[in-house]
Amino acid sequence: MGGSGSKAKGVWPFSGSGAGGDSATDGNEQSLARLKGSRNATPFVFTRRSSLYYDEDGDLAHEFYEETVVTKNGRKKSKLKRIQKNLIPQGIIKLDHPCIHVDFPIVLCEV
């Protein structure tokens, strides 16, 4: 059944060997270079992408709404309309304390 994972041999960022097999038998110098550079990877995450946005006024929130007045059958009714244009993402934020990466391949606690 259609999986979304790629079939290419990848490199675990936290271990010294490739996920698909022994990197020495691959004969691929590019994968060897990637392995040597990834040995210094840490299992901790220090930053993340924020889910907050700035609007035109400089307000910071997850969602923005604007109140609109709709007249129907002579009655005025106010509705909230979600604003999705002209929003600027907050960007990368630093975490207060480091978290463990979700792809860390070691069981930390077994119940």
PDB file of N, CA and C in Angstrom:
ATOM      1  N   MET A   1       0.847  -1.172   0.000  1.00  0.00           N
ATOM      2  CA  MET A   1       0.000   0.000   0.000  1.00  0.00           C
ATOM      3  C   MET A   1       0.884   1.223   0.000  1.00  0.00           C
ATOM      4  N   GLY A   2       0.585   2.200  -0.780  1.00  0.00           N
ATOM      5  CA  GLY A   2       1.427   3.354  -1.053  1.00  0.00           C
ATOM      6  C   GLY A   2       2.007   4.039   0.157  1.00  0.00           C
ATOM      7  N   GLY A   3       3.241   3.770   0.449  1.00  0.00           N
ATOM      8  CA  GLY A   3       3.925   4.463   1.531  1.00  0.00           C
ATOM      9  C   GLY A   3       4.538   5.751   1.020  1.00  0.00           C
ATOM     10  N   SER A   4       4.746   6.693   1.931  1.00  0.00           N
ATOM     11  CA  SER A   4       5.285   7.972   1.509  1.00  0.00           C
ATOM     12  C   SER A   4       6.789   8.051   1.691  1.00  0.00           C
ATOM     13  N   GLY A   5       7.415   7.029   2.233  1.00  0.00           N
ATOM     14  CA  GLY A   5       8.856   7.061   2.451  1.00  0.00           C
ATOM     15  C   GLY A   5       9.608   6.837   1.153  1.00  0.00           C
ATOM     16  N   SER A   6      10.819   7.370   1.091  1.00  0.00           N
ATOM     17  CA  SER A   6      11.605   7.183  -0.119  1.00  0.00           C
ATOM     18  C   SER A   6      12.325   5.848  -0.058  1.00  0.00           C
ATOM     19  N   LYS A   7      12.656   5.321  -1.214  1.00  0.00           N
ATOM     20  CA  LYS A   7      13.326   4.034  -1.296  1.00  0.00           C
ATOM     21  C   LYS A   7      14.847   4.186  -1.319  1.00  0.00           C
ATOM     22  N   ALA A   8      15.339   5.434  -1.359  1.00  0.00           N
ATOM     23  CA  ALA A   8      16.776   5.667  -1.428  1.00  0.00           C
ATOM     24  C   ALA A   8      17.419   5.366  -0.085  1.00  0.00           C
ATOM     25  N   LYS A   9      18.703   5.002  -0.146  1.00  0.00           N
ATOM     26  CA  LYS A   9      19.435   4.726   1.088  1.00  0.00           C
ATOM     27  C   LYS A   9      19.739   6.053   1.766  1.00  0.00           C
ATOM     28  N   GLY A  10      19.353   6.151   3.024  1.00  0.00           N
ATOM     29  CA  GLY A  10      19.571   7.389   3.754  1.00  0.00           C
ATOM     30  C   GLY A  10      20.631   7.210   4.810  1.00  0.00           C
ATOM     31  N   VAL A  11      20.882   8.279   5.518  1.00  0.00           N
ATOM     32  CA  VAL A  11      21.872   8.270   6.572  1.00  0.00           C
ATOM     33  C   VAL A  11      21.188   8.712   7.850  1.00  0.00           C
ATOM     34  N   TRP A  12      21.312   7.922   8.914  1.00  0.00           N
ATOM     35  CA  TRP A  12      20.788   8.339  10.206  1.00  0.00           C
ATOM     36  C   TRP A  12      21.663   9.461  10.709  1.00  0.00           C
ATOM     37  N   PRO A  13      21.083  10.561  11.142  1.00  0.00           N
ATOM     38  CA  PRO A  13      21.913  11.677  11.590  1.00  0.00           C
ATOM     39  C   PRO A  13      22.591  11.410  12.924  1.00  0.00           C
ATOM     40  N   PHE A  14      22.184  10.358  13.654  1.00  0.00           N
ATOM     41  CA  PHE A  14      22.710  10.127  14.988  1.00  0.00           C
ATOM     42  C   PHE A  14      23.611   8.913  15.075  1.00  0.00           C
ATOM     43  N   SER A  15      23.800   8.207  13.986  1.00  0.00           N
ATOM     44  CA  SER A  15      24.637   7.013  14.039  1.00  0.00           C
ATOM     45  C   SER A  15      25.734   7.119  12.992  1.00  0.00           C
ATOM     46  N   GLY A  16      26.657   6.189  13.037  1.00  0.00           N
ATOM     47  CA  GLY A  16      27.784   6.232  12.127  1.00  0.00           C
ATOM     48  C   GLY A  16      27.577   5.413  10.876  1.00  0.00           C
ATOM     49  N   SER A  17      26.441   4.740  10.703  1.00  0.00           N
ATOM     50  CA  SER A  17      26.237   3.907   9.522  1.00  0.00           C
ATOM     51  C   SER A  17      24.980   4.339   8.795  1.00  0.00           C
ATOM     52  N   GLY A  18      24.902   4.008   7.510  1.00  0.00           N
ATOM     53  CA  GLY A  18      23.741   4.349   6.712  1.00  0.00           C
ATOM     54  C   GLY A  18      22.563   3.467   7.061  1.00  0.00           C
ATOM     55  N   ALA A  19      21.356   3.941   6.779  1.00  0.00           N
ATOM     56  CA  ALA A  19      20.154   3.193   7.109  1.00  0.00           C
ATOM     57  C   ALA A  19      19.953   2.021   6.156  1.00  0.00           C
ATOM     58  N   GLY A  20      20.500   2.113   4.944  1.00  0.00           N
ATOM     59  CA  GLY A  20      20.263   1.081   3.967  1.00  0.00           C
ATOM     60  C   GLY A  20      21.296  -0.028   3.968  1.00  0.00           C
ATOM     61  N   GLY A  21      22.382   0.114   4.650  1.00  0.00           N
ATOM     62  CA  GLY A  21      23.406  -0.919   4.649  1.00  0.00           C
ATOM     63  C   GLY A  21      24.750  -0.321   4.965  1.00  0.00           C
ATOM     64  N   ASP A  22      25.806  -1.113   4.723  1.00  0.00           N
ATOM     65  CA  ASP A  22      27.157  -0.663   5.014  1.00  0.00           C
ATOM     66  C   ASP A  22      27.588   0.347   3.967  1.00  0.00           C
ATOM     67  N   SER A  23      28.050   1.524   4.408  1.00  0.00           N
ATOM     68  CA  SER A  23      28.408   2.576   3.465  1.00  0.00           C
ATOM     69  C   SER A  23      29.716   2.277   2.749  1.00  0.00           C
ATOM     70  N   ALA A  24      30.567   1.426   3.306  1.00  0.00           N
ATOM     71  CA  ALA A  24      31.835   1.103   2.653  1.00  0.00           C
ATOM     72  C   ALA A  24      31.596   0.256   1.411  1.00  0.00           C
ATOM     73  N   THR A  25      30.565  -0.560   1.389  1.00  0.00           N
ATOM     74  CA  THR A  25      30.296  -1.400   0.224  1.00  0.00           C
ATOM     75  C   THR A  25      29.549  -0.638  -0.862  1.00  0.00           C
ATOM     76  N   ASP A  26      29.019   0.521  -0.539  1.00  0.00           N
ATOM     77  CA  ASP A  26      28.303   1.295  -1.555  1.00  0.00           C
ATOM     78  C   ASP A  26      29.256   1.850  -2.600  1.00  0.00           C
ATOM     79  N   GLY A  27      30.482   2.229  -2.183  1.00  0.00           N
ATOM     80  CA  GLY A  27      31.427   2.795  -3.118  1.00  0.00           C
ATOM     81  C   GLY A  27      31.077   4.214  -3.505  1.00  0.00           C
ATOM     82  N   ASN A  28      30.178   4.819  -2.798  1.00  0.00           N
ATOM     83  CA  ASN A  28      29.750   6.173  -3.120  1.00  0.00           C
ATOM     84  C   ASN A  28      30.487   7.148  -2.212  1.00  0.00           C
ATOM     85  N   GLU A  29      31.379   7.961  -2.796  1.00  0.00           N
ATOM     86  CA  GLU A  29      32.174   8.875  -1.986  1.00  0.00           C
ATOM     87  C   GLU A  29      31.318   9.974  -1.372  1.00  0.00           C
ATOM     88  N   GLN A  30      30.237  10.323  -2.045  1.00  0.00           N
ATOM     89  CA  GLN A  30      29.378  11.382  -1.517  1.00  0.00           C
ATOM     90  C   GLN A  30      28.698  10.935  -0.219  1.00  0.00           C
ATOM     91  N   SER A  31      28.255   9.682  -0.157  1.00  0.00           N
ATOM     92  CA  SER A  31      27.639   9.199   1.068  1.00  0.00           C
ATOM     93  C   SER A  31      28.667   9.079   2.188  1.00  0.00           C
ATOM     94  N   LEU A  32      29.916   8.753   1.842  1.00  0.00           N
ATOM     95  CA  LEU A  32      30.962   8.709   2.855  1.00  0.00           C
ATOM     96  C   LEU A  32      31.235  10.096   3.414  1.00  0.00           C
ATOM     97  N   ALA A  33      31.207  11.091   2.555  1.00  0.00           N
ATOM     98  CA  ALA A  33      31.422  12.457   3.020  1.00  0.00           C
ATOM     99  C   ALA A  33      30.284  12.889   3.934  1.00  0.00           C
ATOM    100  N   ARG A  34      29.063  12.479   3.596  1.00  0.00           N
ATOM    101  CA  ARG A  34      27.916  12.807   4.444  1.00  0.00           C
ATOM    102  C   ARG A  34      28.033  12.132   5.802  1.00  0.00           C
ATOM    103  N   LEU A  35      28.527  10.884   5.809  1.00  0.00           N
ATOM    104  CA  LEU A  35      28.669  10.156   7.066  1.00  0.00           C
ATOM    105  C   LEU A  35      29.677  10.825   7.984  1.00  0.00           C
ATOM    106  N   LYS A  36      30.812  11.235   7.409  1.00  0.00           N
ATOM    107  CA  LYS A  36      31.833  11.857   8.234  1.00  0.00           C
ATOM    108  C   LYS A  36      31.339  13.170   8.822  1.00  0.00           C
ATOM    109  N   GLY A  37      30.556  13.904   8.079  1.00  0.00           N
ATOM    110  CA  GLY A  37      30.053  15.181   8.568  1.00  0.00           C
ATOM    111  C   GLY A  37      28.918  15.039   9.559  1.00  0.00           C
ATOM    112  N   SER A  38      28.197  13.926   9.539  1.00  0.00           N
ATOM    113  CA  SER A  38      27.039  13.778  10.410  1.00  0.00           C
ATOM    114  C   SER A  38      27.370  13.128  11.745  1.00  0.00           C
ATOM    115  N   ARG A  39      28.610  12.724  11.950  1.00  0.00           N
ATOM    116  CA  ARG A  39      28.964  12.093  13.224  1.00  0.00           C
ATOM    117  C   ARG A  39      28.925  13.084  14.375  1.00  0.00           C
ATOM    118  N   ASN A  40      28.998  14.358  14.089  1.00  0.00           N
ATOM    119  CA  ASN A  40      28.961  15.372  15.126  1.00  0.00           C
ATOM    120  C   ASN A  40      27.537  15.808  15.435  1.00  0.00           C
ATOM    121  N   ALA A  41      26.548  15.144  14.880  1.00  0.00           N
ATOM    122  CA  ALA A  41      25.152  15.520  15.109  1.00  0.00           C
ATOM    123  C   ALA A  41      24.764  15.207  16.549  1.00  0.00           C
ATOM    124  N   THR A  42      23.895  16.028  17.102  1.00  0.00           N
ATOM    125  CA  THR A  42      23.438  15.849  18.464  1.00  0.00           C
ATOM    126  C   THR A  42      21.987  15.381  18.462  1.00  0.00           C
ATOM    127  N   PRO A  43      21.572  14.587  19.438  1.00  0.00           N
ATOM    128  CA  PRO A  43      20.181  14.135  19.484  1.00  0.00           C
ATOM    129  C   PRO A  43      19.232  15.200  20.022  1.00  0.00           C
ATOM    130  N   PHE A  44      19.756  16.369  20.367  1.00  0.00           N
ATOM    131  CA  PHE A  44      18.918  17.412  20.952  1.00  0.00           C
ATOM    132  C   PHE A  44      18.515  18.443  19.922  1.00  0.00           C
ATOM    133  N   VAL A  45      17.337  19.019  20.122  1.00  0.00           N
ATOM    134  CA  VAL A  45      16.813  20.074  19.268  1.00  0.00           C
ATOM    135  C   VAL A  45      16.775  21.353  20.089  1.00  0.00           C
ATOM    136  N   PHE A  46      17.389  22.410  19.586  1.00  0.00           N
ATOM    137  CA  PHE A  46      17.475  23.660  20.325  1.00  0.00           C
ATOM    138  C   PHE A  46      16.557  24.744  19.774  1.00  0.00           C
ATOM    139  N   THR A  47      16.112  24.610  18.530  1.00  0.00           N
ATOM    140  CA  THR A  47      15.225  25.598  17.910  1.00  0.00           C
ATOM    141  C   THR A  47      14.072  24.871  17.228  1.00  0.00           C
ATOM    142  N   ARG A  48      13.013  25.621  16.954  1.00  0.00           N
ATOM    143  CA  ARG A  48      11.885  25.080  16.197  1.00  0.00           C
ATOM    144  C   ARG A  48      11.215  26.219  15.429  1.00  0.00           C
ATOM    145  N   ARG A  49      10.412  25.850  14.464  1.00  0.00           N
ATOM    146  CA  ARG A  49       9.663  26.841  13.695  1.00  0.00           C
ATOM    147  C   ARG A  49       8.403  27.214  14.464  1.00  0.00           C
ATOM    148  N   SER A  50       8.165  28.488  14.610  1.00  0.00           N
ATOM    149  CA  SER A  50       7.007  28.965  15.366  1.00  0.00           C
ATOM    150  C   SER A  50       5.735  28.814  14.550  1.00  0.00           C
ATOM    151  N   SER A  51       4.614  28.620  15.236  1.00  0.00           N
ATOM    152  CA  SER A  51       3.321  28.527  14.558  1.00  0.00           C
ATOM    153  C   SER A  51       2.542  29.837  14.667  1.00  0.00           C
ATOM    154  N   LEU A  52       3.197  30.893  15.139  1.00  0.00           N
ATOM    155  CA  LEU A  52       2.554  32.193  15.292  1.00  0.00           C
ATOM    156  C   LEU A  52       2.828  33.075  14.080  1.00  0.00           C
ATOM    157  N   TYR A  53       1.921  34.046  13.849  1.00  0.00           N
ATOM    158  CA  TYR A  53       2.019  34.958  12.719  1.00  0.00           C
ATOM    159  C   TYR A  53       1.841  36.393  13.190  1.00  0.00           C
ATOM    160  N   TYR A  54       2.473  37.337  12.458  1.00  0.00           N
ATOM    161  CA  TYR A  54       2.271  38.765  12.665  1.00  0.00           C
ATOM    162  C   TYR A  54       1.286  39.261  11.613  1.00  0.00           C
ATOM    163  N   ASP A  55       0.380  40.172  12.008  1.00  0.00           N
ATOM    164  CA  ASP A  55      -0.497  40.801  11.017  1.00  0.00           C
ATOM    165  C   ASP A  55       0.048  42.184  10.677  1.00  0.00           C
ATOM    166  N   GLU A  56      -0.736  42.996   9.928  1.00  0.00           N
ATOM    167  CA  GLU A  56      -0.268  44.319   9.496  1.00  0.00           C
ATOM    168  C   GLU A  56      -0.031  45.259  10.664  1.00  0.00           C
ATOM    169  N   ASP A  57      -0.756  45.072  11.775  1.00  0.00           N
ATOM    170  CA  ASP A  57      -0.629  45.951  12.939  1.00  0.00           C
ATOM    171  C   ASP A  57       0.524  45.543  13.848  1.00  0.00           C
ATOM    172  N   GLY A  58       1.134  44.405  13.598  1.00  0.00           N
ATOM    173  CA  GLY A  58       2.215  43.919  14.435  1.00  0.00           C
ATOM    174  C   GLY A  58       1.749  43.013  15.559  1.00  0.00           C
ATOM    175  N   ASP A  59       0.472  42.635  15.560  1.00  0.00           N
ATOM    176  CA  ASP A  59      -0.047  41.716  16.575  1.00  0.00           C
ATOM    177  C   ASP A  59       0.425  40.298  16.262  1.00  0.00           C
ATOM    178  N   LEU A  60       0.647  39.514  17.320  1.00  0.00           N
ATOM    179  CA  LEU A  60       1.155  38.157  17.183  1.00  0.00           C
ATOM    180  C   LEU A  60       0.105  37.175  17.679  1.00  0.00           C
ATOM    181  N   ALA A  61      -0.297  36.208  16.813  1.00  0.00           N
ATOM    182  CA  ALA A  61      -1.316  35.230  17.194  1.00  0.00           C
ATOM    183  C   ALA A  61      -1.253  34.033  16.251  1.00  0.00           C
ATOM    184  N   HIS A  62      -1.991  32.971  16.643  1.00  0.00           N
ATOM    185  CA  HIS A  62      -2.094  31.791  15.784  1.00  0.00           C
ATOM    186  C   HIS A  62      -3.043  32.044  14.621  1.00  0.00           C
ATOM    187  N   GLU A  63      -4.186  32.707  14.879  1.00  0.00           N
ATOM    188  CA  GLU A  63      -5.193  32.987  13.856  1.00  0.00           C
ATOM    189  C   GLU A  63      -5.687  34.415  14.032  1.00  0.00           C
ATOM    190  N   PHE A  64      -6.107  35.014  12.926  1.00  0.00           N
ATOM    191  CA  PHE A  64      -6.669  36.356  12.972  1.00  0.00           C
ATOM    192  C   PHE A  64      -8.059  36.341  12.344  1.00  0.00           C
ATOM    193  N   TYR A  65      -8.985  37.072  12.971  1.00  0.00           N
ATOM    194  CA  TYR A  65     -10.356  37.174  12.488  1.00  0.00           C
ATOM    195  C   TYR A  65     -10.744  38.640  12.391  1.00  0.00           C
ATOM    196  N   GLU A  66     -11.686  38.916  11.478  1.00  0.00           N
ATOM    197  CA  GLU A  66     -12.219  40.260  11.332  1.00  0.00           C
ATOM    198  C   GLU A  66     -13.738  40.159  11.398  1.00  0.00           C
ATOM    199  N   GLU A  67     -14.335  41.085  12.113  1.00  0.00           N
ATOM    200  CA  GLU A  67     -15.779  41.071  12.285  1.00  0.00           C
ATOM    201  C   GLU A  67     -16.436  41.780  11.106  1.00  0.00           C
ATOM    202  N   THR A  68     -17.374  41.111  10.463  1.00  0.00           N
ATOM    203  CA  THR A  68     -18.117  41.694   9.345  1.00  0.00           C
ATOM    204  C   THR A  68     -19.605  41.677   9.682  1.00  0.00           C
ATOM    205  N   VAL A  69     -20.308  42.698   9.234  1.00  0.00           N
ATOM    206  CA  VAL A  69     -21.748  42.801   9.475  1.00  0.00           C
ATOM    207  C   VAL A  69     -22.473  42.359   8.211  1.00  0.00           C
ATOM    208  N   VAL A  70     -23.356  41.383   8.359  1.00  0.00           N
ATOM    209  CA  VAL A  70     -24.125  40.840   7.247  1.00  0.00           C
ATOM    210  C   VAL A  70     -25.580  41.196   7.466  1.00  0.00           C
ATOM    211  N   THR A  71     -26.206  41.795   6.435  1.00  0.00           N
ATOM    212  CA  THR A  71     -27.629  42.120   6.510  1.00  0.00           C
ATOM    213  C   THR A  71     -28.409  41.080   5.730  1.00  0.00           C
ATOM    214  N   LYS A  72     -29.316  40.392   6.443  1.00  0.00           N
ATOM    215  CA  LYS A  72     -30.106  39.352   5.813  1.00  0.00           C
ATOM    216  C   LYS A  72     -31.552  39.526   6.283  1.00  0.00           C
ATOM    217  N   ASN A  73     -32.457  39.712   5.333  1.00  0.00           N
ATOM    218  CA  ASN A  73     -33.886  39.930   5.620  1.00  0.00           C
ATOM    219  C   ASN A  73     -34.103  41.109   6.571  1.00  0.00           C
ATOM    220  N   GLY A  74     -33.324  42.152   6.378  1.00  0.00           N
ATOM    221  CA  GLY A  74     -33.485  43.335   7.216  1.00  0.00           C
ATOM    222  C   GLY A  74     -32.835  43.230   8.582  1.00  0.00           C
ATOM    223  N   ARG A  75     -32.243  42.124   8.889  1.00  0.00           N
ATOM    224  CA  ARG A  75     -31.581  41.936  10.187  1.00  0.00           C
ATOM    225  C   ARG A  75     -30.077  42.053  10.005  1.00  0.00           C
ATOM    226  N   LYS A  76     -29.467  42.709  10.956  1.00  0.00           N
ATOM    227  CA  LYS A  76     -28.007  42.802  10.938  1.00  0.00           C
ATOM    228  C   LYS A  76     -27.440  41.699  11.822  1.00  0.00           C
ATOM    229  N   LYS A  77     -26.500  40.987  11.248  1.00  0.00           N
ATOM    230  CA  LYS A  77     -25.877  39.894  11.970  1.00  0.00           C
ATOM    231  C   LYS A  77     -24.362  40.011  11.774  1.00  0.00           C
ATOM    232  N   SER A  78     -23.638  39.903  12.860  1.00  0.00           N
ATOM    233  CA  SER A  78     -22.181  40.004  12.739  1.00  0.00           C
ATOM    234  C   SER A  78     -21.574  38.600  12.660  1.00  0.00           C
ATOM    235  N   LYS A  79     -20.595  38.473  11.802  1.00  0.00           N
ATOM    236  CA  LYS A  79     -19.891  37.207  11.605  1.00  0.00           C
ATOM    237  C   LYS A  79     -18.399  37.466  11.699  1.00  0.00           C
ATOM    238  N   LEU A  80     -17.667  36.428  12.051  1.00  0.00           N
ATOM    239  CA  LEU A  80     -16.217  36.504  12.067  1.00  0.00           C
ATOM    240  C   LEU A  80     -15.667  35.864  10.797  1.00  0.00           C
ATOM    241  N   LYS A  81     -14.810  36.608  10.113  1.00  0.00           N
ATOM    242  CA  LYS A  81     -14.190  36.128   8.881  1.00  0.00           C
ATOM    243  C   LYS A  81     -12.699  35.946   9.161  1.00  0.00           C
ATOM    244  N   ARG A  82     -12.183  34.786   8.842  1.00  0.00           N
ATOM    245  CA  ARG A  82     -10.772  34.493   9.106  1.00  0.00           C
ATOM    246  C   ARG A  82      -9.888  35.195   8.087  1.00  0.00           C
ATOM    247  N   ILE A  83      -8.845  35.851   8.578  1.00  0.00           N
ATOM    248  CA  ILE A  83      -7.879  36.543   7.723  1.00  0.00           C
ATOM    249  C   ILE A  83      -6.722  35.596   7.440  1.00  0.00           C
ATOM    250  N   GLN A  84      -6.409  35.409   6.150  1.00  0.00           N
ATOM    251  CA  GLN A  84      -5.303  34.539   5.763  1.00  0.00           C
ATOM    252  C   GLN A  84      -4.285  35.249   4.883  1.00  0.00           C
ATOM    253  N   LYS A  85      -4.533  36.498   4.516  1.00  0.00           N
ATOM    254  CA  LYS A  85      -3.617  37.256   3.660  1.00  0.00           C
ATOM    255  C   LYS A  85      -2.833  38.249   4.513  1.00  0.00           C
ATOM    256  N   ASN A  86      -1.670  38.622   4.010  1.00  0.00           N
ATOM    257  CA  ASN A  86      -0.795  39.614   4.639  1.00  0.00           C
ATOM    258  C   ASN A  86      -0.355  39.202   6.045  1.00  0.00           C
ATOM    259  N   LEU A  87      -0.153  37.927   6.267  1.00  0.00           N
ATOM    260  CA  LEU A  87       0.357  37.442   7.542  1.00  0.00           C
ATOM    261  C   LEU A  87       1.821  37.038   7.363  1.00  0.00           C
ATOM    262  N   ILE A  88       2.647  37.402   8.334  1.00  0.00           N
ATOM    263  CA  ILE A  88       4.077  37.110   8.281  1.00  0.00           C
ATOM    264  C   ILE A  88       4.404  36.099   9.371  1.00  0.00           C
ATOM    265  N   PRO A  89       5.006  34.945   9.041  1.00  0.00           N
ATOM    266  CA  PRO A  89       5.351  33.969  10.078  1.00  0.00           C
ATOM    267  C   PRO A  89       6.417  34.518  11.024  1.00  0.00           C
ATOM    268  N   GLN A  90       6.343  34.086  12.282  1.00  0.00           N
ATOM    269  CA  GLN A  90       7.306  34.557  13.282  1.00  0.00           C
ATOM    270  C   GLN A  90       8.700  34.036  12.985  1.00  0.00           C
ATOM    271  N   GLY A  91       8.818  32.826  12.447  1.00  0.00           N
ATOM    272  CA  GLY A  91      10.120  32.288  12.070  1.00  0.00           C
ATOM    273  C   GLY A  91      10.629  31.261  13.063  1.00  0.00           C
ATOM    274  N   ILE A  92      11.946  31.143  13.154  1.00  0.00           N
ATOM    275  CA  ILE A  92      12.596  30.168  14.023  1.00  0.00           C
ATOM    276  C   ILE A  92      12.731  30.774  15.421  1.00  0.00           C
ATOM    277  N   ILE A  93      12.321  30.001  16.438  1.00  0.00           N
ATOM    278  CA  ILE A  93      12.453  30.466  17.818  1.00  0.00           C
ATOM    279  C   ILE A  93      13.332  29.496  18.594  1.00  0.00           C
ATOM    280  N   LYS A  94      14.009  30.007  19.599  1.00  0.00           N
ATOM    281  CA  LYS A  94      14.881  29.190  20.433  1.00  0.00           C
ATOM    282  C   LYS A  94      14.051  28.582  21.556  1.00  0.00           C
ATOM    283  N   LEU A  95      14.249  27.290  21.804  1.00  0.00           N
ATOM    284  CA  LEU A  95      13.532  26.607  22.873  1.00  0.00           C
ATOM    285  C   LEU A  95      14.142  26.961  24.228  1.00  0.00           C
ATOM    286  N   ASP A  96      13.305  27.012  25.270  1.00  0.00           N
ATOM    287  CA  ASP A  96      13.796  27.308  26.613  1.00  0.00           C
ATOM    288  C   ASP A  96      14.715  26.198  27.120  1.00  0.00           C
ATOM    289  N   HIS A  97      14.339  24.953  26.862  1.00  0.00           N
ATOM    290  CA  HIS A  97      15.178  23.812  27.208  1.00  0.00           C
ATOM    291  C   HIS A  97      15.204  22.867  26.011  1.00  0.00           C
ATOM    292  N   PRO A  98      16.342  22.219  25.732  1.00  0.00           N
ATOM    293  CA  PRO A  98      16.442  21.359  24.551  1.00  0.00           C
ATOM    294  C   PRO A  98      15.528  20.142  24.642  1.00  0.00           C
ATOM    295  N   CYS A  99      15.029  19.711  23.499  1.00  0.00           N
ATOM    296  CA  CYS A  99      14.188  18.520  23.397  1.00  0.00           C
ATOM    297  C   CYS A  99      14.959  17.445  22.625  1.00  0.00           C
ATOM    298  N   ILE A 100      14.534  16.204  22.768  1.00  0.00           N
ATOM    299  CA  ILE A 100      15.154  15.102  22.028  1.00  0.00           C
ATOM    300  C   ILE A 100      14.506  15.012  20.651  1.00  0.00           C
ATOM    301  N   HIS A 101      15.319  14.835  19.630  1.00  0.00           N
ATOM    302  CA  HIS A 101      14.846  14.755  18.252  1.00  0.00           C
ATOM    303  C   HIS A 101      13.931  13.545  18.080  1.00  0.00           C
ATOM    304  N   VAL A 102      12.882  13.673  17.257  1.00  0.00           N
ATOM    305  CA  VAL A 102      11.911  12.589  17.086  1.00  0.00           C
ATOM    306  C   VAL A 102      12.512  11.374  16.379  1.00  0.00           C
ATOM    307  N   ASP A 103      13.573  11.549  15.617  1.00  0.00           N
ATOM    308  CA  ASP A 103      14.202  10.450  14.898  1.00  0.00           C
ATOM    309  C   ASP A 103      15.362   9.823  15.676  1.00  0.00           C
ATOM    310  N   PHE A 104      15.470  10.111  16.963  1.00  0.00           N
ATOM    311  CA  PHE A 104      16.535   9.530  17.773  1.00  0.00           C
ATOM    312  C   PHE A 104      16.305   8.028  17.863  1.00  0.00           C
ATOM    313  N   PRO A 105      17.236   7.186  17.363  1.00  0.00           N
ATOM    314  CA  PRO A 105      16.952   5.752  17.191  1.00  0.00           C
ATOM    315  C   PRO A 105      17.225   4.868  18.410  1.00  0.00           C
ATOM    316  N   ILE A 106      17.198   5.403  19.617  1.00  0.00           N
ATOM    317  CA  ILE A 106      17.466   4.601  20.810  1.00  0.00           C
ATOM    318  C   ILE A 106      16.273   4.685  21.750  1.00  0.00           C
ATOM    319  N   VAL A 107      15.878   3.559  22.322  1.00  0.00           N
ATOM    320  CA  VAL A 107      14.800   3.537  23.300  1.00  0.00           C
ATOM    321  C   VAL A 107      15.334   4.087  24.608  1.00  0.00           C
ATOM    322  N   LEU A 108      14.697   5.142  25.120  1.00  0.00           N
ATOM    323  CA  LEU A 108      15.167   5.764  26.342  1.00  0.00           C
ATOM    324  C   LEU A 108      14.597   5.109  27.585  1.00  0.00           C
ATOM    325  N   CYS A 109      13.326   4.684  27.488  1.00  0.00           N
ATOM    326  CA  CYS A 109      12.659   4.092  28.642  1.00  0.00           C
ATOM    327  C   CYS A 109      11.749   2.979  28.147  1.00  0.00           C
ATOM    328  N   GLU A 110      11.858   1.815  28.729  1.00  0.00           N
ATOM    329  CA  GLU A 110      11.015   0.699  28.340  1.00  0.00           C
ATOM    330  C   GLU A 110      10.157   0.302  29.524  1.00  0.00           C
ATOM    331  N   VAL A 111       8.834   0.223  29.296  1.00  0.00           N
ATOM    332  CA  VAL A 111       7.898  -0.061  30.384  1.00  0.00           C
ATOM    333  C   VAL A 111       7.564  -1.532  30.429  1.00  0.00           C
TER     334      VAL A 111
END
